[in-house]
């Protein structure tokens, strides 16, 4: 392993409380690797690599308010950070059309949250041949308690979200999603007061109660 702290953090941050958000980062359509680093003293920062991890850098634009955050690339190439913010009861969304040089911030009242790590991923893209752009979001859907692990879907790049489907009503905390080879959605999450880490998977059709179904693009 290689210590990349000097590449993604300023020397004056040495004594700051900082850490890389647990969960997955992304690779953009241009090949960049991007992830989020929390600095509770100087703001959350996006860091990345343009050479598949050989060297790293960080975007020197602090994002606030933000604790543990996840980043996703939007259909138009913009970046969106979905952020945990403690004691607010909801998520904050930060978007950038300048590749991280500047950010626009808003609170999203439709994404209620108890102050907990969550997951957001790109599921499908029209540019990749699918009929719809789809984003998926998973979290403990509650304003105060870590319960109700729920997945929501957006068809308009995060402007609006579905009511969501609850995967587990009991104690739920951190979560991370992935896409399986067969197109199903994989969800890994903490449950029952952190006593279990569980994995489950399901189809888009099941998630949307039959209202939407994945159609794989035909190979040209």
C-alpha atoms as a PDB file:
ATOM      1  CA  UNK A   1       0.000   0.000   0.000  1.00  0.00           C
ATOM      2  CA  UNK A   2       1.017   3.588  -0.628  1.00  0.00           C
ATOM      3  CA  UNK A   3       0.312   6.535   1.661  1.00  0.00           C
ATOM      4  CA  UNK A   4      -1.263   9.244  -0.533  1.00  0.00           C
ATOM      5  CA  UNK A   5      -2.060  11.684   2.270  1.00  0.00           C
ATOM      6  CA  UNK A   6       0.408  14.279   0.995  1.00  0.00           C
ATOM      7  CA  UNK A   7      -1.278  14.223  -2.426  1.00  0.00           C
ATOM      8  CA  UNK A   8      -4.854  14.722  -1.249  1.00  0.00           C
ATOM      9  CA  UNK A   9      -4.443  16.883   1.866  1.00  0.00           C
ATOM     10  CA  UNK A  10      -2.682  20.140   2.699  1.00  0.00           C
ATOM     11  CA  UNK A  11       0.222  20.053   5.200  1.00  0.00           C
ATOM     12  CA  UNK A  12      -1.655  22.474   7.453  1.00  0.00           C
ATOM     13  CA  UNK A  13      -4.450  19.902   7.745  1.00  0.00           C
ATOM     14  CA  UNK A  14      -2.132  17.564   9.646  1.00  0.00           C
ATOM     15  CA  UNK A  15      -4.085  17.783  12.895  1.00  0.00           C
ATOM     16  CA  UNK A  16      -7.544  18.107  11.317  1.00  0.00           C
ATOM     17  CA  UNK A  17     -10.116  15.349  11.813  1.00  0.00           C
ATOM     18  CA  UNK A  18     -10.248  13.958   8.278  1.00  0.00           C
ATOM     19  CA  UNK A  19     -11.011  10.657   6.580  1.00  0.00           C
ATOM     20  CA  UNK A  20     -12.075   9.168   3.247  1.00  0.00           C
ATOM     21  CA  UNK A  21     -15.778   8.335   3.137  1.00  0.00           C
ATOM     22  CA  UNK A  22     -16.398   4.615   3.512  1.00  0.00           C
ATOM     23  CA  UNK A  23     -17.997   3.101   0.438  1.00  0.00           C
ATOM     24  CA  UNK A  24     -17.350   3.412  -3.263  1.00  0.00           C
ATOM     25  CA  UNK A  25     -15.987   6.197  -5.412  1.00  0.00           C
ATOM     26  CA  UNK A  26     -16.576   6.495  -9.155  1.00  0.00           C
ATOM     27  CA  UNK A  27     -14.840   6.392 -12.506  1.00  0.00           C
ATOM     28  CA  UNK A  28     -16.221   9.072 -14.817  1.00  0.00           C
ATOM     29  CA  UNK A  29     -16.906   8.581 -18.504  1.00  0.00           C
ATOM     30  CA  UNK A  30     -13.570  10.281 -19.225  1.00  0.00           C
ATOM     31  CA  UNK A  31     -11.717   7.839 -16.968  1.00  0.00           C
ATOM     32  CA  UNK A  32     -11.165   9.989 -13.874  1.00  0.00           C
ATOM     33  CA  UNK A  33     -11.289   8.309 -10.484  1.00  0.00           C
ATOM     34  CA  UNK A  34     -13.153  10.454  -7.932  1.00  0.00           C
ATOM     35  CA  UNK A  35     -14.047  10.055  -4.271  1.00  0.00           C
ATOM     36  CA  UNK A  36     -14.824  12.225  -1.233  1.00  0.00           C
ATOM     37  CA  UNK A  37     -12.666  13.090   1.776  1.00  0.00           C
ATOM     38  CA  UNK A  38     -14.269  14.547   4.873  1.00  0.00           C
ATOM     39  CA  UNK A  39     -12.450  17.281   6.787  1.00  0.00           C
ATOM     40  CA  UNK A  40     -14.576  18.437   9.697  1.00  0.00           C
ATOM     41  CA  UNK A  41     -12.308  21.462  10.192  1.00  0.00           C
ATOM     42  CA  UNK A  42     -11.952  22.691   6.608  1.00  0.00           C
ATOM     43  CA  UNK A  43     -14.818  21.208   4.612  1.00  0.00           C
ATOM     44  CA  UNK A  44     -15.375  18.119   2.499  1.00  0.00           C
ATOM     45  CA  UNK A  45     -13.158  17.846  -0.600  1.00  0.00           C
ATOM     46  CA  UNK A  46     -13.310  15.735  -3.737  1.00  0.00           C
ATOM     47  CA  UNK A  47     -10.058  14.001  -4.655  1.00  0.00           C
ATOM     48  CA  UNK A  48      -9.140  12.062  -7.765  1.00  0.00           C
ATOM     49  CA  UNK A  49      -6.710  10.531 -10.196  1.00  0.00           C
ATOM     50  CA  UNK A  50      -6.331  10.951 -13.957  1.00  0.00           C
ATOM     51  CA  UNK A  51      -3.888   8.051 -14.397  1.00  0.00           C
ATOM     52  CA  UNK A  52      -5.737   5.115 -12.840  1.00  0.00           C
ATOM     53  CA  UNK A  53      -4.348   5.682  -9.358  1.00  0.00           C
ATOM     54  CA  UNK A  54      -0.666   6.232 -10.094  1.00  0.00           C
ATOM     55  CA  UNK A  55      -0.900   9.811  -8.820  1.00  0.00           C
ATOM     56  CA  UNK A  56      -3.589  11.685  -6.921  1.00  0.00           C
ATOM     57  CA  UNK A  57      -4.802  15.239  -6.398  1.00  0.00           C
ATOM     58  CA  UNK A  58      -7.620  17.037  -4.606  1.00  0.00           C
ATOM     59  CA  UNK A  59      -9.950  19.783  -5.746  1.00  0.00           C
ATOM     60  CA  UNK A  60      -9.175  22.781  -3.554  1.00  0.00           C
ATOM     61  CA  UNK A  61     -12.781  23.899  -3.212  1.00  0.00           C
ATOM     62  CA  UNK A  62     -14.333  23.033   0.160  1.00  0.00           C
ATOM     63  CA  UNK A  63     -17.897  21.712   0.100  1.00  0.00           C
ATOM     64  CA  UNK A  64     -20.101  22.604   3.049  1.00  0.00           C
ATOM     65  CA  UNK A  65     -22.188  21.480   4.786  1.00  0.00           C
ATOM     66  CA  UNK A  66     -21.028  17.919   4.279  1.00  0.00           C
ATOM     67  CA  UNK A  67     -19.920  14.965   6.341  1.00  0.00           C
ATOM     68  CA  UNK A  68     -19.635  11.517   4.719  1.00  0.00           C
ATOM     69  CA  UNK A  69     -20.509  12.068   1.061  1.00  0.00           C
ATOM     70  CA  UNK A  70     -20.817  10.204  -2.230  1.00  0.00           C
ATOM     71  CA  UNK A  71     -20.222  11.519  -5.729  1.00  0.00           C
ATOM     72  CA  UNK A  72     -21.893  10.660  -9.030  1.00  0.00           C
ATOM     73  CA  UNK A  73     -21.468  11.915 -12.598  1.00  0.00           C
ATOM     74  CA  UNK A  74     -24.604  13.316 -14.197  1.00  0.00           C
ATOM     75  CA  UNK A  75     -25.649  12.752 -17.803  1.00  0.00           C
ATOM     76  CA  UNK A  76     -24.349  16.151 -18.917  1.00  0.00           C
ATOM     77  CA  UNK A  77     -20.929  15.560 -17.355  1.00  0.00           C
ATOM     78  CA  UNK A  78     -21.643  17.601 -14.234  1.00  0.00           C
ATOM     79  CA  UNK A  79     -20.739  16.252 -10.811  1.00  0.00           C
ATOM     80  CA  UNK A  80     -23.164  15.765  -7.952  1.00  0.00           C
ATOM     81  CA  UNK A  81     -22.228  15.141  -4.331  1.00  0.00           C
ATOM     82  CA  UNK A  82     -24.890  13.717  -2.029  1.00  0.00           C
ATOM     83  CA  UNK A  83     -23.908  14.577   1.538  1.00  0.00           C
ATOM     84  CA  UNK A  84     -24.666  13.490   5.055  1.00  0.00           C
ATOM     85  CA  UNK A  85     -25.239  16.458   7.360  1.00  0.00           C
ATOM     86  CA  UNK A  86     -25.782  15.744  11.024  1.00  0.00           C
ATOM     87  CA  UNK A  87     -28.804  16.974  13.005  1.00  0.00           C
ATOM     88  CA  UNK A  88     -30.647  18.332   9.943  1.00  0.00           C
ATOM     89  CA  UNK A  89     -32.949  15.416   9.175  1.00  0.00           C
ATOM     90  CA  UNK A  90     -32.187  15.452   5.448  1.00  0.00           C
ATOM     91  CA  UNK A  91     -29.481  15.212   2.795  1.00  0.00           C
ATOM     92  CA  UNK A  92     -27.645  18.104   1.179  1.00  0.00           C
ATOM     93  CA  UNK A  93     -26.900  18.022  -2.555  1.00  0.00           C
ATOM     94  CA  UNK A  94     -23.951  19.851  -4.109  1.00  0.00           C
ATOM     95  CA  UNK A  95     -23.606  20.117  -7.903  1.00  0.00           C
ATOM     96  CA  UNK A  96     -20.815  21.406 -10.113  1.00  0.00           C
ATOM     97  CA  UNK A  97     -20.809  22.103 -13.849  1.00  0.00           C
ATOM     98  CA  UNK A  98     -17.154  23.197 -13.669  1.00  0.00           C
ATOM     99  CA  UNK A  99     -15.591  19.875 -12.681  1.00  0.00           C
ATOM    100  CA  UNK A 100     -15.408  20.888  -9.053  1.00  0.00           C
ATOM    101  CA  UNK A 101     -14.111  24.458  -9.333  1.00  0.00           C
ATOM    102  CA  UNK A 102     -17.400  25.820  -7.974  1.00  0.00           C
ATOM    103  CA  UNK A 103     -20.397  24.164  -6.342  1.00  0.00           C
ATOM    104  CA  UNK A 104     -24.085  24.947  -5.926  1.00  0.00           C
ATOM    105  CA  UNK A 105     -25.681  23.728  -2.713  1.00  0.00           C
ATOM    106  CA  UNK A 106     -29.232  22.880  -1.699  1.00  0.00           C
ATOM    107  CA  UNK A 107     -31.003  20.924   1.008  1.00  0.00           C
ATOM    108  CA  UNK A 108     -33.182  18.133  -0.409  1.00  0.00           C
ATOM    109  CA  UNK A 109     -36.259  17.754   1.775  1.00  0.00           C
ATOM    110  CA  UNK A 110     -37.350  14.659  -0.172  1.00  0.00           C
ATOM    111  CA  UNK A 111     -34.273  12.751   0.997  1.00  0.00           C
ATOM    112  CA  UNK A 112     -34.859  12.546   4.736  1.00  0.00           C
ATOM    113  CA  UNK A 113     -31.885  11.204   6.674  1.00  0.00           C
ATOM    114  CA  UNK A 114     -30.902  10.715  10.331  1.00  0.00           C
ATOM    115  CA  UNK A 115     -27.286  11.753   9.748  1.00  0.00           C
ATOM    116  CA  UNK A 116     -25.812   8.552   8.352  1.00  0.00           C
ATOM    117  CA  UNK A 117     -23.644   7.358   5.491  1.00  0.00           C
ATOM    118  CA  UNK A 118     -25.661   6.511   2.370  1.00  0.00           C
ATOM    119  CA  UNK A 119     -25.081   5.383  -1.222  1.00  0.00           C
ATOM    120  CA  UNK A 120     -25.832   6.886  -4.627  1.00  0.00           C
ATOM    121  CA  UNK A 121     -24.899   5.283  -7.951  1.00  0.00           C
ATOM    122  CA  UNK A 122     -25.512   5.586 -11.663  1.00  0.00           C
ATOM    123  CA  UNK A 123     -27.661   2.648 -12.732  1.00  0.00           C
ATOM    124  CA  UNK A 124     -28.230   3.361 -16.428  1.00  0.00           C
ATOM    125  CA  UNK A 125     -27.343   6.053 -18.933  1.00  0.00           C
ATOM    126  CA  UNK A 126     -28.923   6.978 -22.254  1.00  0.00           C
ATOM    127  CA  UNK A 127     -25.408   7.604 -23.565  1.00  0.00           C
ATOM    128  CA  UNK A 128     -24.638   3.930 -22.977  1.00  0.00           C
ATOM    129  CA  UNK A 129     -27.631   2.843 -25.028  1.00  0.00           C
ATOM    130  CA  UNK A 130     -30.268   2.479 -22.326  1.00  0.00           C
ATOM    131  CA  UNK A 131     -33.687   4.046 -22.827  1.00  0.00           C
ATOM    132  CA  UNK A 132     -33.560   5.983 -19.548  1.00  0.00           C
ATOM    133  CA  UNK A 133     -31.139   7.756 -17.261  1.00  0.00           C
ATOM    134  CA  UNK A 134     -31.463   6.242 -13.798  1.00  0.00           C
ATOM    135  CA  UNK A 135     -29.831   7.056 -10.467  1.00  0.00           C
ATOM    136  CA  UNK A 136     -30.277   4.952  -7.337  1.00  0.00           C
ATOM    137  CA  UNK A 137     -30.074   6.158  -3.731  1.00  0.00           C
ATOM    138  CA  UNK A 138     -30.065   4.059  -0.552  1.00  0.00           C
ATOM    139  CA  UNK A 139     -30.184   5.189   3.066  1.00  0.00           C
ATOM    140  CA  UNK A 140     -31.898   4.827   6.415  1.00  0.00           C
ATOM    141  CA  UNK A 141     -35.086   6.691   5.549  1.00  0.00           C
ATOM    142  CA  UNK A 142     -35.829   8.495   8.796  1.00  0.00           C
ATOM    143  CA  UNK A 143     -35.249  12.001  10.132  1.00  0.00           C
ATOM    144  CA  UNK A 144     -33.914  10.895  13.507  1.00  0.00           C
ATOM    145  CA  UNK A 145     -33.434   7.134  13.764  1.00  0.00           C
ATOM    146  CA  UNK A 146     -31.254   4.731  11.812  1.00  0.00           C
ATOM    147  CA  UNK A 147     -34.082   2.540  10.541  1.00  0.00           C
ATOM    148  CA  UNK A 148     -35.942   1.777   7.304  1.00  0.00           C
ATOM    149  CA  UNK A 149     -33.242   0.894   4.779  1.00  0.00           C
ATOM    150  CA  UNK A 150     -34.812   2.206   1.581  1.00  0.00           C
ATOM    151  CA  UNK A 151     -33.859   2.549  -2.082  1.00  0.00           C
ATOM    152  CA  UNK A 152     -35.150   5.367  -4.263  1.00  0.00           C
ATOM    153  CA  UNK A 153     -34.827   5.897  -8.001  1.00  0.00           C
ATOM    154  CA  UNK A 154     -34.518   9.102 -10.028  1.00  0.00           C
ATOM    155  CA  UNK A 155     -35.202   9.463 -13.741  1.00  0.00           C
ATOM    156  CA  UNK A 156     -34.221  13.148 -13.971  1.00  0.00           C
ATOM    157  CA  UNK A 157     -30.657  13.140 -12.636  1.00  0.00           C
ATOM    158  CA  UNK A 158     -31.565  13.632  -9.004  1.00  0.00           C
ATOM    159  CA  UNK A 159     -33.999  16.516  -9.397  1.00  0.00           C
ATOM    160  CA  UNK A 160     -36.809  14.330  -8.061  1.00  0.00           C
ATOM    161  CA  UNK A 161     -36.913  10.906  -6.438  1.00  0.00           C
ATOM    162  CA  UNK A 162     -39.439   8.107  -6.110  1.00  0.00           C
ATOM    163  CA  UNK A 163     -41.047   7.437  -2.748  1.00  0.00           C
ATOM    164  CA  UNK A 164     -38.755   4.441  -2.554  1.00  0.00           C
ATOM    165  CA  UNK A 165     -39.045   0.832  -1.507  1.00  0.00           C
ATOM    166  CA  UNK A 166     -38.130  -0.237   2.006  1.00  0.00           C
ATOM    167  CA  UNK A 167     -35.740  -3.168   2.047  1.00  0.00           C
ATOM    168  CA  UNK A 168     -35.625  -3.563   5.827  1.00  0.00           C
ATOM    169  CA  UNK A 169     -37.788  -1.738   8.387  1.00  0.00           C
ATOM    170  CA  UNK A 170     -35.591  -2.396  11.395  1.00  0.00           C
ATOM    171  CA  UNK A 171     -32.304  -0.921  12.576  1.00  0.00           C
ATOM    172  CA  UNK A 172     -30.245   0.068   9.504  1.00  0.00           C
ATOM    173  CA  UNK A 173     -27.136   2.177   9.065  1.00  0.00           C
ATOM    174  CA  UNK A 174     -24.396   2.450   6.420  1.00  0.00           C
ATOM    175  CA  UNK A 175     -25.112   1.080   2.946  1.00  0.00           C
ATOM    176  CA  UNK A 176     -23.379   0.583  -0.378  1.00  0.00           C
ATOM    177  CA  UNK A 177     -24.862  -0.419  -3.740  1.00  0.00           C
ATOM    178  CA  UNK A 178     -23.454  -2.061  -6.834  1.00  0.00           C
ATOM    179  CA  UNK A 179     -24.708  -3.402 -10.166  1.00  0.00           C
ATOM    180  CA  UNK A 180     -24.406  -7.139 -10.731  1.00  0.00           C
ATOM    181  CA  UNK A 181     -23.481  -8.751 -14.045  1.00  0.00           C
ATOM    182  CA  UNK A 182     -27.084  -9.749 -14.700  1.00  0.00           C
ATOM    183  CA  UNK A 183     -28.236  -6.153 -14.220  1.00  0.00           C
ATOM    184  CA  UNK A 184     -29.679  -6.695 -10.773  1.00  0.00           C
ATOM    185  CA  UNK A 185     -28.982  -4.247  -7.962  1.00  0.00           C
ATOM    186  CA  UNK A 186     -26.778  -5.367  -5.078  1.00  0.00           C
ATOM    187  CA  UNK A 187     -27.132  -3.778  -1.635  1.00  0.00           C
ATOM    188  CA  UNK A 188     -24.730  -4.251   1.291  1.00  0.00           C
ATOM    189  CA  UNK A 189     -25.787  -2.662   4.582  1.00  0.00           C
ATOM    190  CA  UNK A 190     -25.459  -2.693   8.343  1.00  0.00           C
ATOM    191  CA  UNK A 191     -28.490  -3.924  10.289  1.00  0.00           C
ATOM    192  CA  UNK A 192     -29.693  -4.628  13.814  1.00  0.00           C
ATOM    193  CA  UNK A 193     -27.535  -2.080  15.642  1.00  0.00           C
ATOM    194  CA  UNK A 194     -24.381  -2.945  13.683  1.00  0.00           C
ATOM    195  CA  UNK A 195     -24.511  -6.609  14.701  1.00  0.00           C
ATOM    196  CA  UNK A 196     -24.836  -7.819  11.100  1.00  0.00           C
ATOM    197  CA  UNK A 197     -23.515  -6.816   7.690  1.00  0.00           C
ATOM    198  CA  UNK A 198     -25.874  -8.236   5.088  1.00  0.00           C
ATOM    199  CA  UNK A 199     -26.051  -8.418   1.301  1.00  0.00           C
ATOM    200  CA  UNK A 200     -29.185  -8.675  -0.782  1.00  0.00           C
ATOM    201  CA  UNK A 201     -29.972  -8.276  -4.464  1.00  0.00           C
ATOM    202  CA  UNK A 202     -33.057  -7.640  -6.555  1.00  0.00           C
ATOM    203  CA  UNK A 203     -34.162  -6.584 -10.012  1.00  0.00           C
ATOM    204  CA  UNK A 204     -35.276  -3.156 -11.176  1.00  0.00           C
ATOM    205  CA  UNK A 205     -38.677  -4.676 -11.881  1.00  0.00           C
ATOM    206  CA  UNK A 206     -38.996  -5.804  -8.245  1.00  0.00           C
ATOM    207  CA  UNK A 207     -37.780  -2.452  -6.930  1.00  0.00           C
ATOM    208  CA  UNK A 208     -40.396  -0.545  -8.929  1.00  0.00           C
ATOM    209  CA  UNK A 209     -43.229  -3.054  -8.403  1.00  0.00           C
ATOM    210  CA  UNK A 210     -43.298  -3.828 -12.113  1.00  0.00           C
ATOM    211  CA  UNK A 211     -43.441  -0.212 -13.278  1.00  0.00           C
ATOM    212  CA  UNK A 212     -39.951  -0.299 -14.783  1.00  0.00           C
ATOM    213  CA  UNK A 213     -37.864  -3.076 -16.271  1.00  0.00           C
ATOM    214  CA  UNK A 214     -34.246  -3.154 -17.368  1.00  0.00           C
ATOM    215  CA  UNK A 215     -33.726  -3.577 -21.095  1.00  0.00           C
ATOM    216  CA  UNK A 216     -30.125  -4.239 -22.014  1.00  0.00           C
ATOM    217  CA  UNK A 217     -28.899  -2.218 -25.016  1.00  0.00           C
ATOM    218  CA  UNK A 218     -28.403  -4.199 -28.171  1.00  0.00           C
ATOM    219  CA  UNK A 219     -24.793  -4.562 -29.234  1.00  0.00           C
ATOM    220  CA  UNK A 220     -24.021  -2.618 -32.389  1.00  0.00           C
END
